């Protein structure tokens, strides 16, 4: 399955919404990304920012599992969505 850019942005927005509900994880995202709470509002429509949201989620398998189970989606969907956003192309070194 491949994600369109629009579908990938929609999934990333779901991840962002999920992060907003995670009192223990949201500060970790803000610290890791350097984003402020204002950035969450003003940059939520930017594909590059949404890519960073997916990058953050995929840093920990437990976070992916928690999000995917909350949304009832397959575990590989965040990775597939990330590939459809700017900077998400897989790099092949060989």
N, C-alpha and C. Protein backbone atom coordinates (compact mmCIF):
# COMPACT_ATOMS: atom_id res chain seq x y z
N UNK A 1 0.83 -1.18 0.00
CA UNK A 1 0.00 0.00 0.00
C UNK A 1 0.88 1.24 0.00
N UNK A 2 0.49 2.22 -0.78
CA UNK A 2 1.18 3.50 -0.79
C UNK A 2 0.22 4.57 -0.31
N UNK A 3 0.75 5.54 0.39
CA UNK A 3 -0.03 6.67 0.86
C UNK A 3 0.12 7.82 -0.12
N UNK A 4 -0.97 8.53 -0.37
CA UNK A 4 -0.88 9.79 -1.09
C UNK A 4 -0.40 10.83 -0.09
N UNK A 5 0.07 11.96 -0.60
CA UNK A 5 0.51 13.03 0.30
C UNK A 5 -0.63 13.48 1.20
N UNK A 6 -1.83 13.60 0.65
CA UNK A 6 -2.98 14.03 1.45
C UNK A 6 -3.30 13.03 2.56
N UNK A 7 -3.30 11.75 2.21
CA UNK A 7 -3.59 10.71 3.21
C UNK A 7 -2.50 10.68 4.28
N UNK A 8 -1.25 10.90 3.87
CA UNK A 8 -0.14 10.91 4.82
C UNK A 8 -0.27 12.10 5.78
N UNK A 9 -0.65 13.25 5.26
CA UNK A 9 -0.85 14.42 6.11
C UNK A 9 -1.98 14.17 7.10
N UNK A 10 -3.04 13.54 6.64
CA UNK A 10 -4.17 13.23 7.52
C UNK A 10 -3.74 12.31 8.65
N UNK A 11 -2.96 11.28 8.32
CA UNK A 11 -2.49 10.36 9.37
C UNK A 11 -1.58 11.10 10.34
N UNK A 12 -0.69 11.94 9.82
CA UNK A 12 0.22 12.68 10.70
C UNK A 12 -0.56 13.62 11.63
N UNK A 13 -1.63 14.20 11.13
CA UNK A 13 -2.47 15.04 11.99
C UNK A 13 -3.13 14.21 13.09
N UNK A 14 -3.49 12.97 12.77
CA UNK A 14 -4.03 12.08 13.79
C UNK A 14 -2.97 11.78 14.85
N UNK A 15 -1.73 11.59 14.40
CA UNK A 15 -0.64 11.35 15.35
C UNK A 15 -0.46 12.58 16.24
N UNK A 16 -0.48 13.76 15.63
CA UNK A 16 -0.33 14.99 16.41
C UNK A 16 -1.45 15.12 17.43
N UNK A 17 -2.66 14.84 17.03
CA UNK A 17 -3.80 14.88 17.95
C UNK A 17 -3.61 13.88 19.08
N UNK A 18 -3.14 12.69 18.73
CA UNK A 18 -2.89 11.66 19.74
C UNK A 18 -1.81 12.14 20.71
N UNK A 19 -0.74 12.75 20.17
CA UNK A 19 0.34 13.25 21.03
C UNK A 19 -0.17 14.30 22.01
N UNK A 20 -1.09 15.14 21.54
CA UNK A 20 -1.64 16.18 22.41
C UNK A 20 -2.35 15.58 23.62
N UNK A 21 -2.85 14.38 23.48
CA UNK A 21 -3.52 13.70 24.58
C UNK A 21 -2.60 12.89 25.46
N UNK A 22 -1.34 12.85 25.15
CA UNK A 22 -0.36 12.08 25.92
C UNK A 22 0.44 13.02 26.81
N UNK A 23 -0.03 13.23 28.03
CA UNK A 23 0.60 14.21 28.92
C UNK A 23 2.07 13.93 29.18
N UNK A 24 2.47 12.66 29.19
CA UNK A 24 3.86 12.33 29.45
C UNK A 24 4.72 12.40 28.20
N UNK A 25 4.13 12.25 27.04
CA UNK A 25 4.88 12.18 25.79
C UNK A 25 4.96 13.51 25.06
N UNK A 26 3.97 14.35 25.21
CA UNK A 26 3.97 15.64 24.51
C UNK A 26 5.20 16.49 24.85
N UNK A 27 5.58 16.60 26.13
CA UNK A 27 6.78 17.38 26.43
C UNK A 27 8.05 16.78 25.80
N UNK A 28 8.08 15.48 25.67
CA UNK A 28 9.22 14.83 25.04
C UNK A 28 9.28 15.24 23.56
N UNK A 29 8.13 15.24 22.89
CA UNK A 29 8.08 15.67 21.49
C UNK A 29 8.52 17.13 21.35
N UNK A 30 7.99 17.98 22.21
CA UNK A 30 8.36 19.40 22.13
C UNK A 30 9.86 19.58 22.35
N UNK A 31 10.42 18.87 23.30
CA UNK A 31 11.85 18.97 23.55
C UNK A 31 12.70 18.41 22.42
N UNK A 32 12.28 17.28 21.89
CA UNK A 32 13.05 16.63 20.83
C UNK A 32 12.98 17.40 19.51
N UNK A 33 11.83 18.00 19.24
CA UNK A 33 11.63 18.69 17.96
C UNK A 33 12.03 20.15 18.04
N UNK A 34 12.09 20.70 19.24
CA UNK A 34 12.35 22.13 19.39
C UNK A 34 11.11 22.97 19.10
N UNK A 35 9.99 22.31 18.91
CA UNK A 35 8.73 23.01 18.62
C UNK A 35 8.14 23.57 19.91
N UNK A 36 7.42 24.66 19.77
CA UNK A 36 6.67 25.22 20.89
C UNK A 36 5.21 24.83 20.74
N UNK A 37 4.44 25.10 21.77
CA UNK A 37 3.00 24.83 21.66
C UNK A 37 2.38 25.69 20.56
N UNK A 38 2.90 26.90 20.37
CA UNK A 38 2.43 27.77 19.29
C UNK A 38 2.73 27.13 17.93
N UNK A 39 3.90 26.51 17.80
CA UNK A 39 4.26 25.83 16.54
C UNK A 39 3.26 24.74 16.21
N UNK A 40 2.74 24.07 17.21
CA UNK A 40 1.76 23.00 16.97
C UNK A 40 0.54 23.56 16.25
N UNK A 41 0.18 24.78 16.59
CA UNK A 41 -0.98 25.40 15.95
C UNK A 41 -0.62 25.98 14.58
N UNK A 42 0.51 26.65 14.50
CA UNK A 42 0.82 27.37 13.26
C UNK A 42 1.45 26.50 12.18
N UNK A 43 2.08 25.42 12.57
CA UNK A 43 2.81 24.60 11.59
C UNK A 43 2.12 23.28 11.27
N UNK A 44 0.97 23.03 11.86
CA UNK A 44 0.28 21.75 11.69
C UNK A 44 -0.11 21.47 10.24
N UNK A 45 -0.16 22.47 9.41
CA UNK A 45 -0.53 22.25 8.00
C UNK A 45 0.68 22.08 7.10
N UNK A 46 1.88 22.18 7.65
CA UNK A 46 3.10 22.07 6.85
C UNK A 46 3.53 20.60 6.73
N UNK A 47 3.65 20.11 5.50
CA UNK A 47 4.05 18.71 5.32
C UNK A 47 5.38 18.37 5.98
N UNK A 48 6.33 19.29 5.99
CA UNK A 48 7.63 19.02 6.62
C UNK A 48 7.48 18.82 8.13
N UNK A 49 6.65 19.66 8.75
CA UNK A 49 6.42 19.53 10.19
C UNK A 49 5.70 18.22 10.49
N UNK A 50 4.72 17.89 9.66
CA UNK A 50 3.99 16.63 9.87
C UNK A 50 4.92 15.44 9.71
N UNK A 51 5.89 15.54 8.81
CA UNK A 51 6.90 14.49 8.69
C UNK A 51 7.69 14.33 9.98
N UNK A 52 8.00 15.45 10.63
CA UNK A 52 8.74 15.37 11.90
C UNK A 52 7.89 14.72 13.00
N UNK A 53 6.58 14.92 12.93
CA UNK A 53 5.68 14.27 13.89
C UNK A 53 5.76 12.75 13.72
N UNK A 54 5.71 12.31 12.46
CA UNK A 54 5.81 10.86 12.20
C UNK A 54 7.20 10.33 12.56
N UNK A 55 8.24 11.11 12.26
CA UNK A 55 9.60 10.69 12.65
C UNK A 55 9.68 10.47 14.15
N UNK A 56 9.11 11.39 14.91
CA UNK A 56 9.14 11.26 16.37
C UNK A 56 8.41 10.00 16.82
N UNK A 57 7.21 9.80 16.31
CA UNK A 57 6.44 8.62 16.70
C UNK A 57 7.23 7.34 16.45
N UNK A 58 7.91 7.28 15.31
CA UNK A 58 8.60 6.05 14.93
C UNK A 58 9.93 5.86 15.65
N UNK A 59 10.28 6.78 16.54
CA UNK A 59 11.49 6.61 17.34
C UNK A 59 11.36 5.47 18.35
N UNK A 60 10.13 5.11 18.68
CA UNK A 60 9.92 4.09 19.71
C UNK A 60 8.79 3.16 19.28
N UNK A 61 9.09 1.89 19.19
CA UNK A 61 8.08 0.92 18.77
C UNK A 61 6.84 0.94 19.67
N UNK A 62 7.05 1.16 20.96
CA UNK A 62 5.90 1.19 21.88
C UNK A 62 4.95 2.33 21.54
N UNK A 63 5.50 3.48 21.12
CA UNK A 63 4.65 4.61 20.74
C UNK A 63 3.85 4.28 19.49
N UNK A 64 4.52 3.62 18.54
CA UNK A 64 3.82 3.22 17.31
C UNK A 64 2.68 2.28 17.65
N UNK A 65 2.96 1.29 18.48
CA UNK A 65 1.94 0.32 18.87
C UNK A 65 0.78 1.03 19.58
N UNK A 66 1.08 1.89 20.52
CA UNK A 66 0.02 2.59 21.25
C UNK A 66 -0.84 3.42 20.30
N UNK A 67 -0.21 4.18 19.41
CA UNK A 67 -0.97 5.00 18.48
C UNK A 67 -1.81 4.13 17.55
N UNK A 68 -1.19 3.13 16.94
CA UNK A 68 -1.90 2.29 15.97
C UNK A 68 -3.06 1.54 16.62
N UNK A 69 -2.87 1.08 17.83
CA UNK A 69 -3.96 0.40 18.51
C UNK A 69 -5.07 1.37 18.88
N UNK A 70 -4.72 2.60 19.24
CA UNK A 70 -5.74 3.61 19.55
C UNK A 70 -6.56 3.97 18.32
N UNK A 71 -5.90 3.97 17.15
CA UNK A 71 -6.57 4.33 15.90
C UNK A 71 -7.06 3.11 15.12
N UNK A 72 -6.74 1.92 15.60
CA UNK A 72 -7.09 0.67 14.93
C UNK A 72 -6.59 0.65 13.48
N UNK A 73 -5.29 0.89 13.35
CA UNK A 73 -4.67 0.83 12.02
C UNK A 73 -3.46 -0.09 12.10
N UNK A 74 -3.05 -0.67 10.96
CA UNK A 74 -1.87 -1.54 10.96
C UNK A 74 -0.60 -0.77 11.38
N UNK A 75 0.30 -1.49 12.03
CA UNK A 75 1.51 -0.89 12.59
C UNK A 75 2.42 -0.25 11.54
N UNK A 76 2.37 -0.71 10.30
CA UNK A 76 3.26 -0.17 9.29
C UNK A 76 2.76 1.13 8.66
N UNK A 77 1.56 1.55 8.97
CA UNK A 77 1.00 2.74 8.32
C UNK A 77 1.75 4.03 8.63
N UNK A 78 2.23 4.27 9.84
CA UNK A 78 3.02 5.49 10.04
C UNK A 78 4.26 5.54 9.14
N UNK A 79 4.92 4.40 8.96
CA UNK A 79 6.10 4.36 8.10
C UNK A 79 5.71 4.63 6.64
N UNK A 80 4.62 4.04 6.20
CA UNK A 80 4.16 4.27 4.83
C UNK A 80 3.76 5.72 4.62
N UNK A 81 3.11 6.30 5.60
CA UNK A 81 2.73 7.71 5.49
C UNK A 81 3.97 8.59 5.48
N UNK A 82 4.96 8.26 6.29
CA UNK A 82 6.18 9.08 6.34
C UNK A 82 6.87 9.11 4.99
N UNK A 83 6.84 8.00 4.28
CA UNK A 83 7.50 7.93 2.97
C UNK A 83 6.85 8.86 1.95
N UNK A 84 5.59 9.23 2.18
CA UNK A 84 4.87 10.08 1.23
C UNK A 84 5.05 11.57 1.52
N UNK A 85 5.71 11.91 2.61
CA UNK A 85 5.91 13.31 2.96
C UNK A 85 7.34 13.74 2.65
N UNK A 86 7.59 15.05 2.53
CA UNK A 86 8.95 15.53 2.22
C UNK A 86 9.98 14.99 3.19
N UNK A 87 11.09 14.50 2.64
CA UNK A 87 12.18 13.96 3.45
C UNK A 87 11.98 12.52 3.87
N UNK A 88 10.92 11.89 3.40
CA UNK A 88 10.61 10.55 3.86
C UNK A 88 11.07 9.44 2.93
N UNK A 89 11.72 9.79 1.83
CA UNK A 89 12.16 8.76 0.88
C UNK A 89 13.20 7.86 1.53
N UNK A 90 13.10 6.59 1.23
CA UNK A 90 14.09 5.63 1.72
C UNK A 90 15.39 5.84 0.99
N UNK A 91 16.48 5.88 1.72
CA UNK A 91 17.80 6.05 1.12
C UNK A 91 18.43 4.68 0.95
N UNK A 92 18.85 4.40 -0.26
CA UNK A 92 19.53 3.14 -0.55
C UNK A 92 20.98 3.44 -0.85
N UNK A 93 21.86 2.95 -0.03
CA UNK A 93 23.28 3.29 -0.13
C UNK A 93 24.03 2.38 -1.08
N UNK A 94 23.40 1.35 -1.60
CA UNK A 94 24.11 0.46 -2.51
C UNK A 94 23.61 0.61 -3.92
